[in-house]
Amino acid sequence: MIVRFTTRGEHNSLDENEIVVSVKTTSKDRMGKMFIDKILLERFVEHPQKVICIFLNDVQRKENDNISFTLVSGLFMVYSKFLTKLEGIYYLDSPPNATKKPYSDYMNRFSELISGDFRTLLTS
């Protein structure tokens, strides 16, 4: 699902100040899509576009007591370094790697989006 946040009333094209939000349940099989979305959007609208992604969680549950994290951290860094950089990646339930360097430079808790990053994104 992609959601647009804007401070303008126009709805027929994307403005550079609008934020495109990609919402995913997990990053396991969907991580690459958000990077490709940004690349394609920028080609179509012919200007830089703000894109952030919100992940619900990054866990895979097997039975009742077996939980594994599904973040493919190496692939995430390849996308971030060599494809494009997103303006923000937020987790409601962060995987353990998200708090370690270098991932913590790219990933944040959803509360950081609400408490400050959202305002910064809208005014930058």
PDB file of N, CA and C in Angstrom:
ATOM      1  N   MET A   1       0.843  -1.158   0.000  1.00  0.00           N
ATOM      2  CA  MET A   1       0.000   0.000   0.000  1.00  0.00           C
ATOM      3  C   MET A   1       0.893   1.227   0.000  1.00  0.00           C
ATOM      4  N   ILE A   2       0.573   2.203  -0.803  1.00  0.00           N
ATOM      5  CA  ILE A   2       1.296   3.467  -0.842  1.00  0.00           C
ATOM      6  C   ILE A   2       0.332   4.574  -0.462  1.00  0.00           C
ATOM      7  N   VAL A   3       0.774   5.427   0.443  1.00  0.00           N
ATOM      8  CA  VAL A   3      -0.026   6.541   0.918  1.00  0.00           C
ATOM      9  C   VAL A   3       0.733   7.821   0.629  1.00  0.00           C
ATOM     10  N   ARG A   4       0.037   8.866   0.210  1.00  0.00           N
ATOM     11  CA  ARG A   4       0.669  10.160  -0.053  1.00  0.00           C
ATOM     12  C   ARG A   4       0.294  11.134   1.037  1.00  0.00           C
ATOM     13  N   PHE A   5       1.301  11.846   1.564  1.00  0.00           N
ATOM     14  CA  PHE A   5       1.060  12.925   2.506  1.00  0.00           C
ATOM     15  C   PHE A   5       1.508  14.214   1.858  1.00  0.00           C
ATOM     16  N   THR A   6       0.660  15.208   1.865  1.00  0.00           N
ATOM     17  CA  THR A   6       0.962  16.455   1.191  1.00  0.00           C
ATOM     18  C   THR A   6       0.450  17.646   1.980  1.00  0.00           C
ATOM     19  N   THR A   7       1.054  18.772   1.720  1.00  0.00           N
ATOM     20  CA  THR A   7       0.570  20.019   2.306  1.00  0.00           C
ATOM     21  C   THR A   7      -0.170  20.841   1.257  1.00  0.00           C
ATOM     22  N   ARG A   8      -0.292  20.316   0.060  1.00  0.00           N
ATOM     23  CA  ARG A   8      -0.976  20.998  -1.038  1.00  0.00           C
ATOM     24  C   ARG A   8      -2.273  20.294  -1.388  1.00  0.00           C
ATOM     25  N   GLY A   9      -3.105  20.948  -2.158  1.00  0.00           N
ATOM     26  CA  GLY A   9      -4.388  20.380  -2.526  1.00  0.00           C
ATOM     27  C   GLY A   9      -4.400  19.656  -3.864  1.00  0.00           C
ATOM     28  N   GLU A  10      -3.292  19.674  -4.608  1.00  0.00           N
ATOM     29  CA  GLU A  10      -3.257  19.047  -5.924  1.00  0.00           C
ATOM     30  C   GLU A  10      -3.183  17.527  -5.790  1.00  0.00           C
ATOM     31  N   HIS A  11      -3.919  16.822  -6.641  1.00  0.00           N
ATOM     32  CA  HIS A  11      -3.919  15.362  -6.557  1.00  0.00           C
ATOM     33  C   HIS A  11      -3.628  14.695  -7.891  1.00  0.00           C
ATOM     34  N   ASN A  12      -3.283  15.464  -8.915  1.00  0.00           N
ATOM     35  CA  ASN A  12      -3.061  14.856 -10.217  1.00  0.00           C
ATOM     36  C   ASN A  12      -1.582  14.591 -10.511  1.00  0.00           C
ATOM     37  N   SER A  13      -0.686  15.023  -9.654  1.00  0.00           N
ATOM     38  CA  SER A  13       0.731  14.727  -9.821  1.00  0.00           C
ATOM     39  C   SER A  13       1.417  14.803  -8.465  1.00  0.00           C
ATOM     40  N   LEU A  14       2.616  14.299  -8.403  1.00  0.00           N
ATOM     41  CA  LEU A  14       3.382  14.336  -7.157  1.00  0.00           C
ATOM     42  C   LEU A  14       4.257  15.575  -7.118  1.00  0.00           C
ATOM     43  N   ASP A  15       4.196  16.282  -6.039  1.00  0.00           N
ATOM     44  CA  ASP A  15       5.030  17.448  -5.812  1.00  0.00           C
ATOM     45  C   ASP A  15       6.295  16.990  -5.086  1.00  0.00           C
ATOM     46  N   GLU A  16       7.394  17.715  -5.249  1.00  0.00           N
ATOM     47  CA  GLU A  16       8.637  17.351  -4.572  1.00  0.00           C
ATOM     48  C   GLU A  16       8.499  17.362  -3.060  1.00  0.00           C
ATOM     49  N   ASN A  17       7.567  18.138  -2.525  1.00  0.00           N
ATOM     50  CA  ASN A  17       7.407  18.237  -1.078  1.00  0.00           C
ATOM     51  C   ASN A  17       6.489  17.161  -0.510  1.00  0.00           C
ATOM     52  N   GLU A  18       5.834  16.393  -1.359  1.00  0.00           N
ATOM     53  CA  GLU A  18       4.978  15.307  -0.876  1.00  0.00           C
ATOM     54  C   GLU A  18       5.833  14.134  -0.423  1.00  0.00           C
ATOM     55  N   ILE A  19       5.269  13.363   0.488  1.00  0.00           N
ATOM     56  CA  ILE A  19       5.948  12.168   0.989  1.00  0.00           C
ATOM     57  C   ILE A  19       5.140  10.956   0.554  1.00  0.00           C
ATOM     58  N   VAL A  20       5.789  10.036  -0.105  1.00  0.00           N
ATOM     59  CA  VAL A  20       5.154   8.774  -0.475  1.00  0.00           C
ATOM     60  C   VAL A  20       5.524   7.766   0.609  1.00  0.00           C
ATOM     61  N   VAL A  21       4.508   7.140   1.207  1.00  0.00           N
ATOM     62  CA  VAL A  21       4.723   6.192   2.292  1.00  0.00           C
ATOM     63  C   VAL A  21       4.349   4.801   1.800  1.00  0.00           C
ATOM     64  N   SER A  22       5.308   3.901   1.866  1.00  0.00           N
ATOM     65  CA  SER A  22       5.080   2.512   1.496  1.00  0.00           C
ATOM     66  C   SER A  22       4.912   1.728   2.798  1.00  0.00           C
ATOM     67  N   VAL A  23       3.785   1.064   2.966  1.00  0.00           N
ATOM     68  CA  VAL A  23       3.492   0.321   4.194  1.00  0.00           C
ATOM     69  C   VAL A  23       3.549  -1.174   3.878  1.00  0.00           C
ATOM     70  N   LYS A  24       4.362  -1.895   4.633  1.00  0.00           N
ATOM     71  CA  LYS A  24       4.552  -3.331   4.417  1.00  0.00           C
ATOM     72  C   LYS A  24       4.391  -4.072   5.742  1.00  0.00           C
ATOM     73  N   THR A  25       3.949  -5.312   5.679  1.00  0.00           N
ATOM     74  CA  THR A  25       3.826  -6.099   6.903  1.00  0.00           C
ATOM     75  C   THR A  25       5.188  -6.586   7.382  1.00  0.00           C
ATOM     76  N   THR A  26       6.069  -6.930   6.472  1.00  0.00           N
ATOM     77  CA  THR A  26       7.402  -7.423   6.814  1.00  0.00           C
ATOM     78  C   THR A  26       8.338  -7.104   5.653  1.00  0.00           C
ATOM     79  N   SER A  27       9.627  -7.109   5.929  1.00  0.00           N
ATOM     80  CA  SER A  27      10.595  -6.800   4.870  1.00  0.00           C
ATOM     81  C   SER A  27      11.100  -8.042   4.155  1.00  0.00           C
ATOM     82  N   LYS A  28      10.713  -9.206   4.603  1.00  0.00           N
ATOM     83  CA  LYS A  28      11.292 -10.457   4.085  1.00  0.00           C
ATOM     84  C   LYS A  28      11.309 -10.525   2.560  1.00  0.00           C
ATOM     85  N   ASP A  29      10.160 -10.452   1.924  1.00  0.00           N
ATOM     86  CA  ASP A  29      10.087 -10.570   0.469  1.00  0.00           C
ATOM     87  C   ASP A  29       9.717  -9.259  -0.214  1.00  0.00           C
ATOM     88  N   ARG A  30       9.585  -8.196   0.534  1.00  0.00           N
ATOM     89  CA  ARG A  30       9.062  -6.955  -0.014  1.00  0.00           C
ATOM     90  C   ARG A  30      10.034  -5.786   0.054  1.00  0.00           C
ATOM     91  N   MET A  31      11.205  -6.011   0.572  1.00  0.00           N
ATOM     92  CA  MET A  31      12.141  -4.920   0.787  1.00  0.00           C
ATOM     93  C   MET A  31      12.544  -4.232  -0.519  1.00  0.00           C
ATOM     94  N   GLY A  32      12.850  -5.005  -1.525  1.00  0.00           N
ATOM     95  CA  GLY A  32      13.301  -4.421  -2.782  1.00  0.00           C
ATOM     96  C   GLY A  32      12.271  -3.533  -3.448  1.00  0.00           C
ATOM     97  N   LYS A  33      11.003  -3.828  -3.238  1.00  0.00           N
ATOM     98  CA  LYS A  33       9.931  -3.076  -3.887  1.00  0.00           C
ATOM     99  C   LYS A  33       9.959  -1.601  -3.530  1.00  0.00           C
ATOM    100  N   MET A  34      10.236  -1.257  -2.290  1.00  0.00           N
ATOM    101  CA  MET A  34      10.212   0.146  -1.896  1.00  0.00           C
ATOM    102  C   MET A  34      11.341   0.934  -2.562  1.00  0.00           C
ATOM    103  N   PHE A  35      12.491   0.306  -2.763  1.00  0.00           N
ATOM    104  CA  PHE A  35      13.588   0.981  -3.450  1.00  0.00           C
ATOM    105  C   PHE A  35      13.268   1.158  -4.931  1.00  0.00           C
ATOM    106  N   ILE A  36      12.709   0.129  -5.545  1.00  0.00           N
ATOM    107  CA  ILE A  36      12.316   0.208  -6.956  1.00  0.00           C
ATOM    108  C   ILE A  36      11.213   1.240  -7.142  1.00  0.00           C
ATOM    109  N   ASP A  37      10.252   1.285  -6.206  1.00  0.00           N
ATOM    110  CA  ASP A  37       9.180   2.296  -6.276  1.00  0.00           C
ATOM    111  C   ASP A  37       9.757   3.707  -6.329  1.00  0.00           C
ATOM    112  N   LYS A  38      10.745   3.979  -5.488  1.00  0.00           N
ATOM    113  CA  LYS A  38      11.332   5.320  -5.471  1.00  0.00           C
ATOM    114  C   LYS A  38      12.025   5.628  -6.802  1.00  0.00           C
ATOM    115  N   ILE A  39      12.792   4.678  -7.302  1.00  0.00           N
ATOM    116  CA  ILE A  39      13.493   4.887  -8.576  1.00  0.00           C
ATOM    117  C   ILE A  39      12.494   5.163  -9.698  1.00  0.00           C
ATOM    118  N   LEU A  40      11.444   4.343  -9.785  1.00  0.00           N
ATOM    119  CA  LEU A  40      10.443   4.516 -10.843  1.00  0.00           C
ATOM    120  C   LEU A  40       9.672   5.825 -10.688  1.00  0.00           C
ATOM    121  N   LEU A  41       9.285   6.149  -9.473  1.00  0.00           N
ATOM    122  CA  LEU A  41       8.567   7.407  -9.238  1.00  0.00           C
ATOM    123  C   LEU A  41       9.392   8.603  -9.688  1.00  0.00           C
ATOM    124  N   GLU A  42      10.668   8.611  -9.328  1.00  0.00           N
ATOM    125  CA  GLU A  42      11.517   9.736  -9.707  1.00  0.00           C
ATOM    126  C   GLU A  42      11.701   9.829 -11.214  1.00  0.00           C
ATOM    127  N   ARG A  43      11.719   8.712 -11.897  1.00  0.00           N
ATOM    128  CA  ARG A  43      11.817   8.745 -13.356  1.00  0.00           C
ATOM    129  C   ARG A  43      10.532   9.287 -13.983  1.00  0.00           C
ATOM    130  N   PHE A  44       9.388   8.867 -13.444  1.00  0.00           N
ATOM    131  CA  PHE A  44       8.104   9.312 -13.992  1.00  0.00           C
ATOM    132  C   PHE A  44       7.823  10.779 -13.713  1.00  0.00           C
ATOM    133  N   VAL A  45       8.090  11.240 -12.490  1.00  0.00           N
ATOM    134  CA  VAL A  45       7.759  12.626 -12.139  1.00  0.00           C
ATOM    135  C   VAL A  45       8.891  13.586 -12.473  1.00  0.00           C
ATOM    136  N   GLU A  46      10.061  13.051 -12.827  1.00  0.00           N
ATOM    137  CA  GLU A  46      11.220  13.816 -13.261  1.00  0.00           C
ATOM    138  C   GLU A  46      11.715  14.813 -12.224  1.00  0.00           C
ATOM    139  N   HIS A  47      11.667  14.423 -10.960  1.00  0.00           N
ATOM    140  CA  HIS A  47      12.274  15.197  -9.874  1.00  0.00           C
ATOM    141  C   HIS A  47      12.496  14.277  -8.674  1.00  0.00           C
ATOM    142  N   PRO A  48      13.346  14.696  -7.733  1.00  0.00           N
ATOM    143  CA  PRO A  48      13.536  13.879  -6.527  1.00  0.00           C
ATOM    144  C   PRO A  48      12.212  13.715  -5.775  1.00  0.00           C
ATOM    145  N   GLN A  49      11.983  12.539  -5.227  1.00  0.00           N
ATOM    146  CA  GLN A  49      10.726  12.268  -4.512  1.00  0.00           C
ATOM    147  C   GLN A  49      11.046  11.688  -3.138  1.00  0.00           C
ATOM    148  N   LYS A  50      10.382  12.208  -2.117  1.00  0.00           N
ATOM    149  CA  LYS A  50      10.561  11.695  -0.759  1.00  0.00           C
ATOM    150  C   LYS A  50       9.756  10.403  -0.612  1.00  0.00           C
ATOM    151  N   VAL A  51      10.439   9.334  -0.217  1.00  0.00           N
ATOM    152  CA  VAL A  51       9.791   8.035  -0.017  1.00  0.00           C
ATOM    153  C   VAL A  51      10.263   7.471   1.318  1.00  0.00           C
ATOM    154  N   ILE A  52       9.291   7.074   2.143  1.00  0.00           N
ATOM    155  CA  ILE A  52       9.618   6.384   3.383  1.00  0.00           C
ATOM    156  C   ILE A  52       8.870   5.057   3.392  1.00  0.00           C
ATOM    157  N   CYS A  53       9.334   4.145   4.225  1.00  0.00           N
ATOM    158  CA  CYS A  53       8.686   2.850   4.346  1.00  0.00           C
ATOM    159  C   CYS A  53       8.413   2.557   5.813  1.00  0.00           C
ATOM    160  N   ILE A  54       7.254   1.984   6.065  1.00  0.00           N
ATOM    161  CA  ILE A  54       6.881   1.568   7.410  1.00  0.00           C
ATOM    162  C   ILE A  54       6.645   0.061   7.376  1.00  0.00           C
ATOM    163  N   PHE A  55       7.370  -0.659   8.231  1.00  0.00           N
ATOM    164  CA  PHE A  55       7.194  -2.102   8.372  1.00  0.00           C
ATOM    165  C   PHE A  55       6.485  -2.380   9.685  1.00  0.00           C
ATOM    166  N   LEU A  56       5.514  -3.265   9.638  1.00  0.00           N
ATOM    167  CA  LEU A  56       4.821  -3.658  10.849  1.00  0.00           C
ATOM    168  C   LEU A  56       5.774  -4.407  11.783  1.00  0.00           C
ATOM    169  N   ASN A  57       6.429  -5.424  11.269  1.00  0.00           N
ATOM    170  CA  ASN A  57       7.383  -6.181  12.075  1.00  0.00           C
ATOM    171  C   ASN A  57       8.353  -6.881  11.146  1.00  0.00           C
ATOM    172  N   ASP A  58       9.232  -7.614  11.721  1.00  0.00           N
ATOM    173  CA  ASP A  58      10.201  -8.361  10.931  1.00  0.00           C
ATOM    174  C   ASP A  58      10.443  -9.720  11.570  1.00  0.00           C
ATOM    175  N   VAL A  59       9.358 -10.399  11.843  1.00  0.00           N
ATOM    176  CA  VAL A  59       9.470 -11.708  12.478  1.00  0.00           C
ATOM    177  C   VAL A  59       8.682 -12.752  11.710  1.00  0.00           C
ATOM    178  N   GLN A  60       9.131 -13.968  11.847  1.00  0.00           N
ATOM    179  CA  GLN A  60       8.418 -15.108  11.286  1.00  0.00           C
ATOM    180  C   GLN A  60       8.172 -16.061  12.442  1.00  0.00           C
ATOM    181  N   ARG A  61       6.926 -16.388  12.645  1.00  0.00           N
ATOM    182  CA  ARG A  61       6.573 -17.257  13.762  1.00  0.00           C
ATOM    183  C   ARG A  61       6.395 -18.699  13.277  1.00  0.00           C
ATOM    184  N   LYS A  62       7.041 -19.610  13.992  1.00  0.00           N
ATOM    185  CA  LYS A  62       6.904 -21.036  13.729  1.00  0.00           C
ATOM    186  C   LYS A  62       6.376 -21.654  15.009  1.00  0.00           C
ATOM    187  N   GLU A  63       5.156 -22.091  14.968  1.00  0.00           N
ATOM    188  CA  GLU A  63       4.474 -22.629  16.143  1.00  0.00           C
ATOM    189  C   GLU A  63       4.339 -21.530  17.195  1.00  0.00           C
ATOM    190  N   ASN A  64       4.221 -21.870  18.436  1.00  0.00           N
ATOM    191  CA  ASN A  64       3.967 -20.882  19.480  1.00  0.00           C
ATOM    192  C   ASN A  64       5.217 -20.237  20.065  1.00  0.00           C
ATOM    193  N   ASP A  65       6.324 -20.961  20.113  1.00  0.00           N
ATOM    194  CA  ASP A  65       7.482 -20.450  20.825  1.00  0.00           C
ATOM    195  C   ASP A  65       8.732 -20.262  19.973  1.00  0.00           C
ATOM    196  N   ASN A  66       8.644 -20.409  18.687  1.00  0.00           N
ATOM    197  CA  ASN A  66       9.801 -20.296  17.817  1.00  0.00           C
ATOM    198  C   ASN A  66       9.641 -19.077  16.912  1.00  0.00           C
ATOM    199  N   ILE A  67      10.397 -18.023  17.196  1.00  0.00           N
ATOM    200  CA  ILE A  67      10.323 -16.781  16.432  1.00  0.00           C
ATOM    201  C   ILE A  67      11.692 -16.500  15.833  1.00  0.00           C
ATOM    202  N   SER A  68      11.723 -16.180  14.546  1.00  0.00           N
ATOM    203  CA  SER A  68      12.979 -15.790  13.909  1.00  0.00           C
ATOM    204  C   SER A  68      12.783 -14.457  13.205  1.00  0.00           C
ATOM    205  N   PHE A  69      13.848 -13.681  13.130  1.00  0.00           N
ATOM    206  CA  PHE A  69      13.792 -12.388  12.471  1.00  0.00           C
ATOM    207  C   PHE A  69      14.116 -12.568  10.995  1.00  0.00           C
ATOM    208  N   THR A  70      13.423 -11.830  10.147  1.00  0.00           N
ATOM    209  CA  THR A  70      13.510 -12.059   8.702  1.00  0.00           C
ATOM    210  C   THR A  70      14.250 -10.967   7.934  1.00  0.00           C
ATOM    211  N   LEU A  71      14.773  -9.975   8.625  1.00  0.00           N
ATOM    212  CA  LEU A  71      15.502  -8.910   7.933  1.00  0.00           C
ATOM    213  C   LEU A  71      16.716  -9.499   7.230  1.00  0.00           C
ATOM    214  N   VAL A  72      16.803  -9.293   5.929  1.00  0.00           N
ATOM    215  CA  VAL A  72      17.969  -9.712   5.153  1.00  0.00           C
ATOM    216  C   VAL A  72      18.889  -8.493   5.116  1.00  0.00           C
ATOM    217  N   SER A  73      19.705  -8.376   6.162  1.00  0.00           N
ATOM    218  CA  SER A  73      20.457  -7.141   6.383  1.00  0.00           C
ATOM    219  C   SER A  73      21.487  -6.844   5.296  1.00  0.00           C
ATOM    220  N   GLY A  74      22.147  -7.864   4.764  1.00  0.00           N
ATOM    221  CA  GLY A  74      23.118  -7.625   3.699  1.00  0.00           C
ATOM    222  C   GLY A  74      22.452  -7.086   2.443  1.00  0.00           C
ATOM    223  N   LEU A  75      21.331  -7.662   2.085  1.00  0.00           N
ATOM    224  CA  LEU A  75      20.584  -7.198   0.920  1.00  0.00           C
ATOM    225  C   LEU A  75      20.073  -5.778   1.133  1.00  0.00           C
ATOM    226  N   PHE A  76      19.616  -5.488   2.341  1.00  0.00           N
ATOM    227  CA  PHE A  76      19.165  -4.137   2.663  1.00  0.00           C
ATOM    228  C   PHE A  76      20.283  -3.118   2.419  1.00  0.00           C
ATOM    229  N   MET A  77      21.504  -3.438   2.843  1.00  0.00           N
ATOM    230  CA  MET A  77      22.617  -2.506   2.656  1.00  0.00           C
ATOM    231  C   MET A  77      22.978  -2.352   1.182  1.00  0.00           C
ATOM    232  N   VAL A  78      22.877  -3.415   0.405  1.00  0.00           N
ATOM    233  CA  VAL A  78      23.135  -3.313  -1.038  1.00  0.00           C
ATOM    234  C   VAL A  78      22.130  -2.359  -1.675  1.00  0.00           C
ATOM    235  N   TYR A  79      20.843  -2.533  -1.358  1.00  0.00           N
ATOM    236  CA  TYR A  79      19.813  -1.634  -1.899  1.00  0.00           C
ATOM    237  C   TYR A  79      20.069  -0.193  -1.479  1.00  0.00           C
ATOM    238  N   SER A  80      20.399   0.011  -0.216  1.00  0.00           N
ATOM    239  CA  SER A  80      20.594   1.366   0.311  1.00  0.00           C
ATOM    240  C   SER A  80      21.827   2.044  -0.265  1.00  0.00           C
ATOM    241  N   LYS A  81      22.887   1.292  -0.453  1.00  0.00           N
ATOM    242  CA  LYS A  81      24.143   1.872  -0.947  1.00  0.00           C
ATOM    243  C   LYS A  81      24.200   2.014  -2.460  1.00  0.00           C
ATOM    244  N   PHE A  82      23.616   1.032  -3.184  1.00  0.00           N
ATOM    245  CA  PHE A  82      23.828   1.005  -4.623  1.00  0.00           C
ATOM    246  C   PHE A  82      22.605   1.326  -5.470  1.00  0.00           C
ATOM    247  N   LEU A  83      21.397   1.208  -4.929  1.00  0.00           N
ATOM    248  CA  LEU A  83      20.206   1.568  -5.705  1.00  0.00           C
ATOM    249  C   LEU A  83      19.794   3.000  -5.424  1.00  0.00           C
ATOM    250  N   THR A  84      19.308   3.239  -4.219  1.00  0.00           N
ATOM    251  CA  THR A  84      18.875   4.586  -3.833  1.00  0.00           C
ATOM    252  C   THR A  84      18.707   4.616  -2.326  1.00  0.00           C
ATOM    253  N   LYS A  85      18.747   5.786  -1.765  1.00  0.00           N
ATOM    254  CA  LYS A  85      18.540   5.926  -0.326  1.00  0.00           C
ATOM    255  C   LYS A  85      17.137   6.469  -0.089  1.00  0.00           C
ATOM    256  N   LEU A  86      16.413   5.824   0.805  1.00  0.00           N
ATOM    257  CA  LEU A  86      15.081   6.296   1.167  1.00  0.00           C
ATOM    258  C   LEU A  86      15.208   7.360   2.252  1.00  0.00           C
ATOM    259  N   GLU A  87      14.197   8.200   2.364  1.00  0.00           N
ATOM    260  CA  GLU A  87      14.215   9.259   3.362  1.00  0.00           C
ATOM    261  C   GLU A  87      13.944   8.724   4.771  1.00  0.00           C
ATOM    262  N   GLY A  88      13.450   7.519   4.868  1.00  0.00           N
ATOM    263  CA  GLY A  88      13.243   6.927   6.172  1.00  0.00           C
ATOM    264  C   GLY A  88      12.692   5.518   6.085  1.00  0.00           C
ATOM    265  N   ILE A  89      13.124   4.675   7.014  1.00  0.00           N
ATOM    266  CA  ILE A  89      12.600   3.319   7.146  1.00  0.00           C
ATOM    267  C   ILE A  89      12.259   3.139   8.616  1.00  0.00           C
ATOM    268  N   TYR A  90      11.014   2.791   8.876  1.00  0.00           N
ATOM    269  CA  TYR A  90      10.507   2.746  10.244  1.00  0.00           C
ATOM    270  C   TYR A  90       9.864   1.400  10.530  1.00  0.00           C
ATOM    271  N   TYR A  91      10.104   0.897  11.736  1.00  0.00           N
ATOM    272  CA  TYR A  91       9.533  -0.363  12.197  1.00  0.00           C
ATOM    273  C   TYR A  91       8.644  -0.127  13.404  1.00  0.00           C
ATOM    274  N   LEU A  92       7.483  -0.763  13.412  1.00  0.00           N
ATOM    275  CA  LEU A  92       6.680  -0.777  14.626  1.00  0.00           C
ATOM    276  C   LEU A  92       7.271  -1.768  15.621  1.00  0.00           C
ATOM    277  N   ASP A  93       7.809  -2.860  15.131  1.00  0.00           N
ATOM    278  CA  ASP A  93       8.453  -3.880  15.960  1.00  0.00           C
ATOM    279  C   ASP A  93       9.808  -4.162  15.317  1.00  0.00           C
ATOM    280  N   SER A  94      10.847  -3.469  15.770  1.00  0.00           N
ATOM    281  CA  SER A  94      12.157  -3.505  15.115  1.00  0.00           C
ATOM    282  C   SER A  94      12.883  -4.832  15.308  1.00  0.00           C
ATOM    283  N   PRO A  95      13.599  -5.265  14.254  1.00  0.00           N
ATOM    284  CA  PRO A  95      14.472  -6.430  14.417  1.00  0.00           C
ATOM    285  C   PRO A  95      15.716  -6.007  15.209  1.00  0.00           C
ATOM    286  N   PRO A  96      16.404  -6.945  15.853  1.00  0.00           N
ATOM    287  CA  PRO A  96      17.584  -6.594  16.658  1.00  0.00           C
ATOM    288  C   PRO A  96      18.673  -5.848  15.876  1.00  0.00           C
ATOM    289  N   ASN A  97      18.886  -6.206  14.612  1.00  0.00           N
ATOM    290  CA  ASN A  97      19.926  -5.537  13.817  1.00  0.00           C
ATOM    291  C   ASN A  97      19.640  -4.062  13.581  1.00  0.00           C
ATOM    292  N   ALA A  98      18.400  -3.644  13.649  1.00  0.00           N
ATOM    293  CA  ALA A  98      18.044  -2.251  13.369  1.00  0.00           C
ATOM    294  C   ALA A  98      18.656  -1.289  14.374  1.00  0.00           C
ATOM    295  N   THR A  99      19.040  -1.779  15.528  1.00  0.00           N
ATOM    296  CA  THR A  99      19.630  -0.904  16.545  1.00  0.00           C
ATOM    297  C   THR A  99      21.152  -0.889  16.497  1.00  0.00           C
ATOM    298  N   LYS A 100      21.752  -1.687  15.602  1.00  0.00           N
ATOM    299  CA  LYS A 100      23.206  -1.775  15.496  1.00  0.00           C
ATOM    300  C   LYS A 100      23.687  -1.024  14.257  1.00  0.00           C
ATOM    301  N   LYS A 101      24.913  -0.520  14.314  1.00  0.00           N
ATOM    302  CA  LYS A 101      25.527   0.128  13.155  1.00  0.00           C
ATOM    303  C   LYS A 101      25.839  -0.920  12.113  1.00  0.00           C
ATOM    304  N   PRO A 102      25.740  -0.678  10.843  1.00  0.00           N
ATOM    305  CA  PRO A 102      25.344   0.559  10.194  1.00  0.00           C
ATOM    306  C   PRO A 102      23.827   0.695   9.999  1.00  0.00           C
ATOM    307  N   TYR A 103      23.074  -0.343  10.368  1.00  0.00           N
ATOM    308  CA  TYR A 103      21.628  -0.349  10.107  1.00  0.00           C
ATOM    309  C   TYR A 103      20.900   0.776  10.838  1.00  0.00           C
ATOM    310  N   SER A 104      21.370   1.114  12.032  1.00  0.00           N
ATOM    311  CA  SER A 104      20.714   2.173  12.798  1.00  0.00           C
ATOM    312  C   SER A 104      20.835   3.532  12.116  1.00  0.00           C
ATOM    313  N   ASP A 105      21.738   3.667  11.144  1.00  0.00           N
ATOM    314  CA  ASP A 105      21.832   4.909  10.361  1.00  0.00           C
ATOM    315  C   ASP A 105      20.690   5.022   9.357  1.00  0.00           C
ATOM    316  N   TYR A 106      20.023   3.913   9.063  1.00  0.00           N
ATOM    317  CA  TYR A 106      18.983   3.874   8.047  1.00  0.00           C
ATOM    318  C   TYR A 106      17.597   3.546   8.603  1.00  0.00           C
ATOM    319  N   MET A 107      17.550   2.795   9.697  1.00  0.00           N
ATOM    320  CA  MET A 107      16.283   2.296  10.240  1.00  0.00           C
ATOM    321  C   MET A 107      15.982   2.952  11.582  1.00  0.00           C
ATOM    322  N   ASN A 108      14.703   3.237  11.817  1.00  0.00           N
ATOM    323  CA  ASN A 108      14.283   3.849  13.068  1.00  0.00           C
ATOM    324  C   ASN A 108      13.003   3.202  13.568  1.00  0.00           C
ATOM    325  N   ARG A 109      12.704   3.468  14.806  1.00  0.00           N
ATOM    326  CA  ARG A 109      11.427   3.039  15.375  1.00  0.00           C
ATOM    327  C   ARG A 109      10.328   3.951  14.845  1.00  0.00           C
ATOM    328  N   PHE A 110       9.135   3.421  14.711  1.00  0.00           N
ATOM    329  CA  PHE A 110       7.990   4.184  14.227  1.00  0.00           C
ATOM    330  C   PHE A 110       7.743   5.415  15.099  1.00  0.00           C
ATOM    331  N   SER A 111       8.007   5.311  16.380  1.00  0.00           N
ATOM    332  CA  SER A 111       7.794   6.439  17.295  1.00  0.00           C
ATOM    333  C   SER A 111       8.643   7.651  16.906  1.00  0.00           C
ATOM    334  N   GLU A 112       9.815   7.433  16.297  1.00  0.00           N
ATOM    335  CA  GLU A 112      10.653   8.541  15.853  1.00  0.00           C
ATOM    336  C   GLU A 112      10.019   9.279  14.673  1.00  0.00           C
ATOM    337  N   LEU A 113       9.318   8.547  13.831  1.00  0.00           N
ATOM    338  CA  LEU A 113       8.598   9.192  12.725  1.00  0.00           C
ATOM    339  C   LEU A 113       7.519  10.119  13.280  1.00  0.00           C
ATOM    340  N   ILE A 114       6.753   9.622  14.228  1.00  0.00           N
ATOM    341  CA  ILE A 114       5.648  10.393  14.794  1.00  0.00           C
ATOM    342  C   ILE A 114       6.148  11.554  15.650  1.00  0.00           C
ATOM    343  N   SER A 115       7.215  11.337  16.419  1.00  0.00           N
ATOM    344  CA  SER A 115       7.662  12.358  17.372  1.00  0.00           C
ATOM    345  C   SER A 115       8.511  13.468  16.766  1.00  0.00           C
ATOM    346  N   GLY A 116       8.986  13.322  15.545  1.00  0.00           N
ATOM    347  CA  GLY A 116       9.801  14.404  15.006  1.00  0.00           C
ATOM    348  C   GLY A 116      10.126  14.324  13.532  1.00  0.00           C
ATOM    349  N   ASP A 117      10.408  13.113  13.045  1.00  0.00           N
ATOM    350  CA  ASP A 117      10.828  12.981  11.647  1.00  0.00           C
ATOM    351  C   ASP A 117       9.749  13.417  10.669  1.00  0.00           C
ATOM    352  N   PHE A 118       8.497  13.167  11.008  1.00  0.00           N
ATOM    353  CA  PHE A 118       7.401  13.513  10.093  1.00  0.00           C
ATOM    354  C   PHE A 118       7.364  15.013   9.847  1.00  0.00           C
ATOM    355  N   ARG A 119       7.497  15.793  10.893  1.00  0.00           N
ATOM    356  CA  ARG A 119       7.504  17.255  10.752  1.00  0.00           C
ATOM    357  C   ARG A 119       8.696  17.700   9.927  1.00  0.00           C
ATOM    358  N   THR A 120       9.855  17.106  10.192  1.00  0.00           N
ATOM    359  CA  THR A 120      11.067  17.450   9.434  1.00  0.00           C
ATOM    360  C   THR A 120      10.896  17.115   7.956  1.00  0.00           C
ATOM    361  N   LEU A 121      10.331  15.955   7.651  1.00  0.00           N
ATOM    362  CA  LEU A 121      10.111  15.555   6.260  1.00  0.00           C
ATOM    363  C   LEU A 121       9.166  16.505   5.545  1.00  0.00           C
ATOM    364  N   LEU A 122       8.129  16.942   6.218  1.00  0.00           N
ATOM    365  CA  LEU A 122       7.150  17.837   5.587  1.00  0.00           C
ATOM    366  C   LEU A 122       7.697  19.248   5.359  1.00  0.00           C
ATOM    367  N   THR A 123       8.652  19.670   6.168  1.00  0.00           N
ATOM    368  CA  THR A 123       9.162  21.035   6.040  1.00  0.00           C
ATOM    369  C   THR A 123      10.474  21.112   5.273  1.00  0.00           C
ATOM    370  N   SER A 124      11.067  19.984   4.926  1.00  0.00           N
ATOM    371  CA  SER A 124      12.349  20.029   4.195  1.00  0.00           C
ATOM    372  C   SER A 124      12.137  19.927   2.703  1.00  0.00           C
TER     373      SER A 124
END
